[in-house]
Every structure is written in structure tokens, then in C-alpha cells.
Amino acid sequence: MRLVDTHVHIYLDAFAADRDAVLDRARNAGVRAFLLPAIDVASVHAALDLAARNDDIWVMAALHPSETKTAGEAEFREIEELSREDRIVAVGETGLDHYWDRTFDERQEDMLRRHIGLAAERDLPLVFHTRDSLDDVVRVVHEERDRIDRPDRIRGVFHCFGGSARQAESVLALGFHLGIGGSLTFRNGGVPAGIAGVPLDRVVLETDAPFLAPVPFRGKRNEPAHVAIVARFLAELRGIDADSVADATTRSAEAVFGVRFPP
């Protein structure tokens, strides 16, 4: 299989002891590219350092919505500058998080709109975090598209999609792709039903490692090699072979992020 993990936090301390071995296991499992979403400014620098040493790593730049409670103008300005780096292929992960803390919703939404503007200015795709907030992110995207001259530049991925079929349709109607990871394998998670009618050319695969490990590793540290498990599970749901899923979703990732990943 030729796979892309479109969302992996390989720079985190969870991989400090065996990062190179984790990457090698993933490569041996067929992963040809790793896309590293940002959490804060420091994480972008850490990811760029890894990309400088690994030709199969690409990087995103953004402030995670949870970080916007304390991150201010200086941090966003640095994200703007970092987004010019050659290895930056997306603005992410940005979005809204309505699960952990609702005391700064207005600030989150303001920063989301600024990230959308940055992506449109740089002509980069967006990667959205939408925990308990998917419909609100869809609303903001509609509003921002109505406001700018080039609405076609607002595109990208709804990461860790776990919504209903109706919500999947609303994402597809925007021209965005769905990021599917380990939660696809969770019993009663609802993801298979939500994506049942979604064509593979609108799906990208991800792990969100070290988080959200798929069955049978649920509750343990996730690894980018486990994106192969997601591909096989999706193949079983669709009644096709895993190579077909890998090929289709890798082409989707190349289309979204504008990169030709290694063969």
C-alpha cells in the first residue's frame, strides 16, 4: 500500500524515546508521507526541524483552538511568517473546540476567521479541528466565503470527522474533504454511518497519533503505521481491497495539499 498520514503529531514528547523507530515502522507499513499539524508556535518549529531531516515530512502552521485562550497577536504574527516556509503545506490545525472550555468561544471564532483569511491569502488548504463544533465551523466557512473575493481558496480537510451523514454532506458541499482516522474502528462511534455515502476522492486518512489509536490498540499510544489499519477497515466497509483505498486516499491527499508524495 502507498499511504499518507495526513495528521500526525510526531514531534510530541510521546515519541521522544523512539521517534525514528516509529517513523521507520510506518514506512515499512506503506506510509510514504507524514503531515504534521501545528498546536502552537513551538510545535511548528519542531515540525520544521523534523522536515529538514526527513524528506517525507511536511508541516502545517496554526494555533490550535484551545491555544487561542492565551495565544495573542505576537503568536499569530509568527504563524503568519512561518506559513511562508517551503515545507508548510497547510494552515492547521485551526477551528473550534466546544468540548473542553466554552469561556473563550468568541476569541476562538475570531482566531478561526483570521486563520481562514491567512489560508486564502497564502492559497493554502485549511485543516479544521471541530470537536463538538462542526456545524459552527461550517457556518463560519460560509460566512468567510461570502466575504472574500476568492472563495475558492477556502478549502481543505475537516480533521477527525465523526459527524452524521447530514454533516458529511454539508462538508462536501463546501468542497472540503473528510479526515478519517482511528475513530472509524470504534464500536458505536457512528463514523461508518456518517461516511457511508462519501466518495473516496473526498476522503483522506490520518492517525492523529499519539491520540485516537484504532482497534485493537485503542487506549494505547497511536502510531502513524496504524493508518494502514484505518485503510483496511475502510476497505472492508466498502467491500473493496485495501490497496484501492490507499491509492484513492493518497491521490485525495495530493489533490488537497498540492504535493506529489513519494512513490
Protein backbone atom coordinates (compact mmCIF):
# COMPACT_ATOMS: atom_id res chain seq x y z
CA MET A 1 0.00 0.00 0.00
CA ARG A 2 1.01 3.60 -0.65
CA LEU A 3 -0.40 5.63 2.23
CA VAL A 4 -0.26 9.17 3.58
CA ASP A 5 -0.83 10.02 7.24
CA THR A 6 -2.31 13.48 6.82
CA HIS A 7 -2.42 14.30 10.55
CA VAL A 8 0.27 13.10 12.97
CA HIS A 9 1.90 14.88 15.92
CA ILE A 10 5.20 13.02 15.65
CA TYR A 11 7.08 15.94 17.27
CA LEU A 12 5.39 15.42 20.66
CA ASP A 13 7.24 14.06 23.68
CA ALA A 14 5.21 10.83 23.42
CA PHE A 15 7.67 9.87 20.65
CA ALA A 16 10.84 11.30 22.19
CA ALA A 17 12.33 7.92 23.07
CA ASP A 18 11.74 6.12 19.75
CA ARG A 19 10.71 8.67 17.11
CA ASP A 20 12.98 7.32 14.36
CA ALA A 21 11.82 3.75 15.00
CA VAL A 22 8.17 4.88 14.87
CA LEU A 23 8.76 6.57 11.53
CA ASP A 24 10.53 3.50 10.17
CA ARG A 25 7.66 1.22 11.27
CA ALA A 26 5.26 3.48 9.42
CA ARG A 27 7.38 3.48 6.28
CA ASN A 28 7.54 -0.32 6.41
CA ALA A 29 3.73 -0.35 6.66
CA GLY A 30 3.48 1.65 3.43
CA VAL A 31 3.31 5.23 4.71
CA ARG A 32 5.02 7.43 2.14
CA ALA A 33 4.36 10.84 3.70
CA PHE A 34 3.66 12.40 7.10
CA LEU A 35 1.82 15.72 7.52
CA LEU A 36 2.40 17.40 10.88
CA PRO A 37 -0.33 19.75 12.16
CA ALA A 38 0.58 22.58 14.49
CA ILE A 39 -0.58 23.17 18.05
CA ASP A 40 1.37 26.36 18.78
CA VAL A 41 4.39 28.28 17.50
CA ALA A 42 6.88 25.95 19.17
CA SER A 43 5.31 22.91 17.51
CA VAL A 44 5.75 24.47 14.06
CA HIS A 45 9.46 24.96 14.71
CA ALA A 46 9.77 21.38 16.00
CA ALA A 47 7.97 20.03 12.95
CA LEU A 48 10.11 22.07 10.56
CA ASP A 49 13.23 20.71 12.24
CA LEU A 50 11.98 17.17 11.58
CA ALA A 51 11.10 18.04 7.99
CA ALA A 52 14.62 19.34 7.45
CA ARG A 53 15.93 15.86 8.32
CA ASN A 54 13.21 13.78 6.62
CA ASP A 55 12.19 14.25 3.00
CA ASP A 56 8.82 12.56 3.61
CA ILE A 57 7.63 15.02 6.28
CA TRP A 58 5.55 18.14 5.55
CA VAL A 59 4.30 20.72 8.03
CA MET A 60 1.28 22.91 8.85
CA ALA A 61 1.19 26.24 10.69
CA ALA A 62 -1.59 27.44 13.00
CA LEU A 63 -2.69 27.93 16.57
CA HIS A 64 -4.88 25.09 17.83
CA PRO A 65 -8.24 26.48 19.00
CA SER A 66 -7.51 25.50 22.60
CA GLU A 67 -4.29 27.53 22.44
CA THR A 68 -6.12 30.71 21.49
CA LYS A 69 -7.20 31.22 25.10
CA THR A 70 -3.73 32.55 25.87
CA ALA A 71 -2.01 32.99 22.49
CA GLY A 72 -2.23 36.54 21.21
CA GLU A 73 -1.21 38.85 18.41
CA ALA A 74 2.51 38.11 18.62
CA GLU A 75 1.94 34.36 18.26
CA PHE A 76 -0.41 34.78 15.31
CA ARG A 77 2.07 37.09 13.58
CA GLU A 78 4.74 34.43 13.95
CA ILE A 79 2.37 31.85 12.46
CA GLU A 80 1.87 34.21 9.53
CA GLU A 81 5.63 34.38 8.96
CA LEU A 82 6.13 30.63 9.38
CA SER A 83 3.41 29.95 6.81
CA ARG A 84 5.84 31.24 4.16
CA GLU A 85 8.27 28.35 4.75
CA ASP A 86 8.68 25.97 1.81
CA ARG A 87 7.70 22.86 3.78
CA ILE A 88 4.44 24.40 5.01
CA VAL A 89 1.57 22.87 3.03
CA ALA A 90 -1.49 23.94 5.07
CA VAL A 91 -2.88 26.22 7.74
CA GLY A 92 -3.80 23.87 10.56
CA GLU A 93 -4.91 22.75 12.83
CA THR A 94 -7.30 25.59 13.42
CA GLY A 95 -11.03 25.53 14.11
CA LEU A 96 -13.23 25.45 17.19
CA ASP A 97 -13.25 23.25 20.28
CA HIS A 98 -16.52 23.32 22.22
CA TYR A 99 -15.69 20.31 24.36
CA TRP A 100 -13.10 21.44 26.90
CA ASP A 101 -13.78 25.09 27.67
CA ARG A 102 -16.58 27.39 26.49
CA THR A 103 -15.32 30.51 28.29
CA PHE A 104 -13.50 31.91 25.24
CA ASP A 105 -15.75 30.92 22.32
CA GLU A 106 -15.68 34.42 20.85
CA ARG A 107 -11.88 34.50 20.85
CA GLN A 108 -11.72 31.07 19.23
CA GLU A 109 -14.05 32.16 16.46
CA ASP A 110 -12.13 35.36 15.84
CA MET A 111 -8.87 33.44 15.52
CA LEU A 112 -10.53 30.88 13.24
CA ARG A 113 -11.60 33.67 10.90
CA ARG A 114 -8.05 35.05 10.92
CA HIS A 115 -6.63 31.63 10.06
CA ILE A 116 -9.11 31.30 7.20
CA GLY A 117 -8.00 34.69 5.92
CA LEU A 118 -4.37 33.65 6.16
CA ALA A 119 -5.03 30.45 4.20
CA ALA A 120 -6.86 32.37 1.49
CA GLU A 121 -4.04 34.92 1.28
CA ARG A 122 -1.36 32.22 1.02
CA ASP A 123 -3.55 29.94 -1.16
CA LEU A 124 -3.05 27.09 1.30
CA PRO A 125 -5.60 24.48 2.39
CA LEU A 126 -7.04 24.53 5.90
CA VAL A 127 -7.16 21.67 8.39
CA PHE A 128 -10.03 22.09 10.84
CA HIS A 129 -10.40 20.81 14.39
CA THR A 130 -14.17 20.60 15.05
CA ARG A 131 -14.72 18.86 18.38
CA ASP A 132 -18.39 19.38 19.31
CA SER A 133 -18.37 22.34 16.91
CA LEU A 134 -18.67 21.06 13.34
CA ASP A 135 -21.84 22.96 12.45
CA ASP A 136 -20.35 26.19 13.79
CA VAL A 137 -17.20 25.74 11.71
CA VAL A 138 -19.35 25.13 8.62
CA ARG A 139 -21.25 28.33 9.40
CA VAL A 140 -18.04 30.36 9.74
CA VAL A 141 -16.68 28.99 6.46
CA HIS A 142 -19.87 30.02 4.66
CA GLU A 143 -19.66 33.49 6.17
CA GLU A 144 -16.00 33.94 5.27
CA ARG A 145 -16.57 32.71 1.72
CA ASP A 146 -19.29 35.29 1.26
CA ARG A 147 -16.90 37.99 2.48
CA ILE A 148 -13.79 37.47 0.33
CA ASP A 149 -13.03 37.88 -3.37
CA ARG A 150 -11.62 34.37 -3.88
CA PRO A 151 -13.93 31.94 -2.02
CA ASP A 152 -12.40 29.04 -3.98
CA ARG A 153 -9.25 29.49 -1.89
CA ILE A 154 -11.10 28.34 1.23
CA ARG A 155 -10.65 24.58 1.01
CA GLY A 156 -9.07 21.71 2.93
CA VAL A 157 -9.90 18.99 5.45
CA PHE A 158 -12.29 18.54 8.36
CA HIS A 159 -9.93 16.55 10.56
CA CYS A 160 -11.15 13.62 12.68
CA PHE A 161 -14.59 13.65 11.12
CA GLY A 162 -17.15 12.00 13.38
CA GLY A 163 -20.39 13.60 12.31
CA SER A 164 -23.63 12.45 10.77
CA ALA A 165 -24.38 11.82 7.11
CA ARG A 166 -26.06 15.26 7.03
CA GLN A 167 -22.94 16.89 8.40
CA ALA A 168 -20.76 14.99 5.94
CA GLU A 169 -22.90 16.34 3.12
CA SER A 170 -22.52 19.88 4.44
CA VAL A 171 -18.73 19.49 4.44
CA LEU A 172 -18.70 18.05 0.92
CA ALA A 173 -20.95 20.87 -0.29
CA LEU A 174 -18.25 23.30 0.81
CA GLY A 175 -15.71 21.43 -1.33
CA PHE A 176 -13.79 20.17 1.70
CA HIS A 177 -12.50 16.65 2.37
CA LEU A 178 -13.08 14.43 5.38
CA GLY A 179 -10.16 13.25 7.52
CA ILE A 180 -10.83 9.71 8.71
CA GLY A 181 -8.78 8.02 11.44
CA GLY A 182 -8.93 5.52 14.27
CA SER A 183 -12.42 6.52 15.43
CA LEU A 184 -13.71 4.78 12.30
CA THR A 185 -12.98 1.49 14.07
CA PHE A 186 -14.72 2.36 17.35
CA ARG A 187 -17.86 0.39 18.13
CA ASN A 188 -20.90 2.69 18.28
CA GLY A 189 -18.73 5.61 17.19
CA GLY A 190 -21.10 6.45 14.37
CA VAL A 191 -18.36 7.24 11.84
CA PRO A 192 -19.11 4.40 9.35
CA ALA A 193 -22.73 5.55 9.04
CA GLY A 194 -21.69 9.17 8.65
CA ILE A 195 -19.33 8.49 5.77
CA ALA A 196 -21.25 5.67 4.05
CA GLY A 197 -22.06 7.78 1.01
CA VAL A 198 -18.83 9.76 0.82
CA PRO A 199 -16.75 9.02 -2.30
CA LEU A 200 -13.13 8.06 -1.65
CA ASP A 201 -11.85 11.00 -3.64
CA ARG A 202 -13.19 13.21 -0.84
CA VAL A 203 -11.52 11.22 1.97
CA VAL A 204 -8.01 11.47 3.39
CA LEU A 205 -6.59 9.12 6.02
CA GLU A 206 -4.96 10.16 9.27
CA THR A 207 -3.98 8.86 12.70
CA ASP A 208 -3.79 11.95 14.95
CA ALA A 209 -1.01 9.97 16.67
CA PRO A 210 -0.25 9.68 19.52
CA PHE A 211 -4.01 10.06 20.08
CA LEU A 212 -7.06 8.03 18.98
CA ALA A 213 -5.42 4.66 18.32
CA PRO A 214 -7.66 2.33 16.31
CA VAL A 215 -8.96 -1.02 17.46
CA PRO A 216 -7.20 -3.28 18.53
CA PHE A 217 -4.82 -0.67 20.00
CA ARG A 218 -7.47 1.62 21.46
CA GLY A 219 -6.26 3.21 24.69
CA LYS A 220 -2.61 2.82 23.79
CA ARG A 221 -0.23 5.20 22.07
CA ASN A 222 -1.19 5.63 18.45
CA GLU A 223 1.45 5.48 15.70
CA PRO A 224 1.46 6.57 12.05
CA ALA A 225 1.86 2.93 11.00
CA HIS A 226 -1.72 2.42 12.20
CA VAL A 227 -3.05 4.41 9.26
CA ALA A 228 -2.82 1.06 7.44
CA ILE A 229 -5.37 -0.34 9.90
CA VAL A 230 -7.74 2.50 9.06
CA ALA A 231 -7.28 1.81 5.34
CA ARG A 232 -8.05 -1.89 5.76
CA PHE A 233 -11.10 -1.17 7.94
CA LEU A 234 -12.45 1.30 5.39
CA ALA A 235 -11.81 -1.23 2.63
CA GLU A 236 -13.87 -3.85 4.46
CA LEU A 237 -16.72 -1.37 4.88
CA ARG A 238 -16.69 -0.59 1.16
CA GLY A 239 -16.19 -4.18 0.01
CA ILE A 240 -13.01 -3.36 -1.88
CA ASP A 241 -9.34 -4.15 -1.41
CA ALA A 242 -7.12 -2.07 0.86
CA ASP A 243 -4.78 -1.10 -1.97
CA SER A 244 -7.67 0.61 -3.74
CA VAL A 245 -8.46 2.61 -0.60
CA ALA A 246 -4.80 3.51 -0.13
CA ASP A 247 -4.40 4.63 -3.74
CA ALA A 248 -7.61 6.68 -3.77
CA THR A 249 -7.00 8.43 -0.46
CA THR A 250 -3.37 9.15 -1.31
CA ARG A 251 -4.50 10.81 -4.54
CA SER A 252 -7.02 12.77 -2.48
CA ALA A 253 -4.26 13.94 -0.14
CA GLU A 254 -2.12 15.02 -3.08
CA ALA A 255 -5.04 16.98 -4.52
CA VAL A 256 -5.84 18.72 -1.24
CA PHE A 257 -2.31 19.61 -0.21
CA GLY A 258 -0.86 20.23 -3.66
CA VAL A 259 2.06 17.87 -3.15
CA ARG A 260 3.19 14.86 -5.15
CA PHE A 261 4.18 12.47 -2.39
CA PRO A 262 6.96 9.86 -2.80
CA PRO A 263 6.05 6.66 -4.72
